[in-house]
Amino acid sequence: MENSAKSVSNGPIELKSFVIQKYIEKPYLINKRKFDIRHWVLLNQDSDLFFFKEGYLRLASHEFTNDNEMDEYVHLTNNAI
């Protein structure tokens, strides 16, 4: 499979994706750990808004520090690690 797609009017377009965000030096913490909150919402074509009843909170496995020799797990809240 090629790494580009063909556009009808503009010729080849490279398929790329990026995630860009500012690093937060002083994040909010729970028990000295970084966290994220997940909650699902659906907005349909009729502008009806639905909230899933349950969400969840994920905590990093290690306490947060801003040291130069940081533990890589201090920032990760992914449950698939």
C-alpha atoms as a PDB file:
ATOM      1  CA  MET A   1       0.000   0.000   0.000  1.00  0.00           C
ATOM      2  CA  GLU A   2       1.374   3.415  -0.943  1.00  0.00           C
ATOM      3  CA  ASN A   3       1.842   6.220   1.564  1.00  0.00           C
ATOM      4  CA  SER A   4      -0.134   8.702  -0.544  1.00  0.00           C
ATOM      5  CA  ALA A   5      -3.667   9.109  -1.867  1.00  0.00           C
ATOM      6  CA  LYS A   6      -4.677  10.394  -5.290  1.00  0.00           C
ATOM      7  CA  SER A   7      -6.817  13.526  -5.365  1.00  0.00           C
ATOM      8  CA  VAL A   8      -8.960  14.149  -8.449  1.00  0.00           C
ATOM      9  CA  SER A   9      -8.093  17.844  -8.749  1.00  0.00           C
ATOM     10  CA  ASN A  10      -4.813  18.390  -6.879  1.00  0.00           C
ATOM     11  CA  GLY A  11      -2.614  15.387  -7.654  1.00  0.00           C
ATOM     12  CA  PRO A  12      -1.025  13.192  -4.964  1.00  0.00           C
ATOM     13  CA  ILE A  13      -1.598  14.006  -1.285  1.00  0.00           C
ATOM     14  CA  GLU A  14       0.598  12.498   1.413  1.00  0.00           C
ATOM     15  CA  LEU A  15      -1.280  10.869   4.259  1.00  0.00           C
ATOM     16  CA  LYS A  16       0.112  12.182   7.540  1.00  0.00           C
ATOM     17  CA  SER A  17      -1.309  12.697  10.974  1.00  0.00           C
ATOM     18  CA  PHE A  18       0.003  14.690  13.897  1.00  0.00           C
ATOM     19  CA  VAL A  19      -0.806  15.253  17.540  1.00  0.00           C
ATOM     20  CA  ILE A  20       0.581  18.520  18.828  1.00  0.00           C
ATOM     21  CA  GLN A  21       0.045  19.764  22.341  1.00  0.00           C
ATOM     22  CA  LYS A  22       1.781  21.907  24.902  1.00  0.00           C
ATOM     23  CA  TYR A  23       3.387  20.041  27.775  1.00  0.00           C
ATOM     24  CA  ILE A  24       1.898  21.136  31.103  1.00  0.00           C
ATOM     25  CA  GLU A  25       4.753  21.638  33.570  1.00  0.00           C
ATOM     26  CA  LYS A  26       2.502  21.888  36.649  1.00  0.00           C
ATOM     27  CA  PRO A  27      -0.462  19.548  35.995  1.00  0.00           C
ATOM     28  CA  TYR A  28      -3.324  18.918  38.390  1.00  0.00           C
ATOM     29  CA  LEU A  29      -2.554  15.761  40.370  1.00  0.00           C
ATOM     30  CA  ILE A  30      -4.507  13.176  42.336  1.00  0.00           C
ATOM     31  CA  ASN A  31      -2.429  11.581  45.101  1.00  0.00           C
ATOM     32  CA  LYS A  32       0.710  13.037  43.403  1.00  0.00           C
ATOM     33  CA  ARG A  33      -0.125  11.257  40.124  1.00  0.00           C
ATOM     34  CA  LYS A  34      -1.133  12.548  36.697  1.00  0.00           C
ATOM     35  CA  PHE A  35      -4.592  11.510  35.565  1.00  0.00           C
ATOM     36  CA  ASP A  36      -7.119  11.721  32.769  1.00  0.00           C
ATOM     37  CA  ILE A  37     -10.897  11.546  32.782  1.00  0.00           C
ATOM     38  CA  ARG A  38     -12.840   9.809  30.015  1.00  0.00           C
ATOM     39  CA  HIS A  39     -16.509  10.376  29.367  1.00  0.00           C
ATOM     40  CA  TRP A  40     -18.412   9.648  26.173  1.00  0.00           C
ATOM     41  CA  VAL A  41     -20.900  11.977  24.520  1.00  0.00           C
ATOM     42  CA  LEU A  42     -22.857  11.581  21.288  1.00  0.00           C
ATOM     43  CA  LEU A  43     -24.219  14.468  19.233  1.00  0.00           C
ATOM     44  CA  ASN A  44     -26.382  13.235  16.358  1.00  0.00           C
ATOM     45  CA  GLN A  45     -27.425  14.954  13.123  1.00  0.00           C
ATOM     46  CA  ASP A  46     -30.576  16.315  14.798  1.00  0.00           C
ATOM     47  CA  SER A  47     -28.413  18.016  17.446  1.00  0.00           C
ATOM     48  CA  ASP A  48     -29.639  15.615  20.136  1.00  0.00           C
ATOM     49  CA  LEU A  49     -26.984  15.274  22.820  1.00  0.00           C
ATOM     50  CA  PHE A  50     -26.548  11.995  24.690  1.00  0.00           C
ATOM     51  CA  PHE A  51     -24.224  11.366  27.647  1.00  0.00           C
ATOM     52  CA  PHE A  52     -23.086   7.837  28.448  1.00  0.00           C
ATOM     53  CA  LYS A  53     -23.988   7.206  32.082  1.00  0.00           C
ATOM     54  CA  GLU A  54     -20.538   6.003  33.151  1.00  0.00           C
ATOM     55  CA  GLY A  55     -17.057   7.387  32.570  1.00  0.00           C
ATOM     56  CA  TYR A  56     -13.737   6.599  34.154  1.00  0.00           C
ATOM     57  CA  LEU A  57     -10.625   8.141  35.635  1.00  0.00           C
ATOM     58  CA  ARG A  58      -7.140   6.782  34.961  1.00  0.00           C
ATOM     59  CA  LEU A  59      -4.101   7.452  37.138  1.00  0.00           C
ATOM     60  CA  ALA A  60      -0.427   7.164  36.232  1.00  0.00           C
ATOM     61  CA  SER A  61       1.270   4.230  37.938  1.00  0.00           C
ATOM     62  CA  HIS A  62       4.109   6.391  39.339  1.00  0.00           C
ATOM     63  CA  GLU A  63       4.133   9.684  41.240  1.00  0.00           C
ATOM     64  CA  PHE A  64       4.694  12.777  39.101  1.00  0.00           C
ATOM     65  CA  THR A  65       8.075  14.529  39.060  1.00  0.00           C
ATOM     66  CA  ASN A  66       9.628  17.156  36.799  1.00  0.00           C
ATOM     67  CA  ASP A  67      13.194  15.844  37.236  1.00  0.00           C
ATOM     68  CA  ASN A  68      15.499  15.723  34.214  1.00  0.00           C
ATOM     69  CA  GLU A  69      15.851  11.946  34.532  1.00  0.00           C
ATOM     70  CA  MET A  70      12.128  11.267  34.485  1.00  0.00           C
ATOM     71  CA  ASP A  71      10.598   7.843  34.684  1.00  0.00           C
ATOM     72  CA  GLU A  72       8.652   7.340  31.445  1.00  0.00           C
ATOM     73  CA  TYR A  73       5.683   5.889  33.352  1.00  0.00           C
ATOM     74  CA  VAL A  74       5.178   9.062  35.374  1.00  0.00           C
ATOM     75  CA  HIS A  75       3.221  10.566  32.442  1.00  0.00           C
ATOM     76  CA  LEU A  76       1.321   7.544  31.154  1.00  0.00           C
ATOM     77  CA  THR A  77      -2.229   6.720  32.162  1.00  0.00           C
ATOM     78  CA  ASN A  78      -2.836   4.248  29.340  1.00  0.00           C
ATOM     79  CA  ASN A  79      -4.281   0.999  30.675  1.00  0.00           C
ATOM     80  CA  ALA A  80      -2.763  -0.997  27.770  1.00  0.00           C
ATOM     81  CA  ILE A  81       0.866  -0.473  28.855  1.00  0.00           C
END
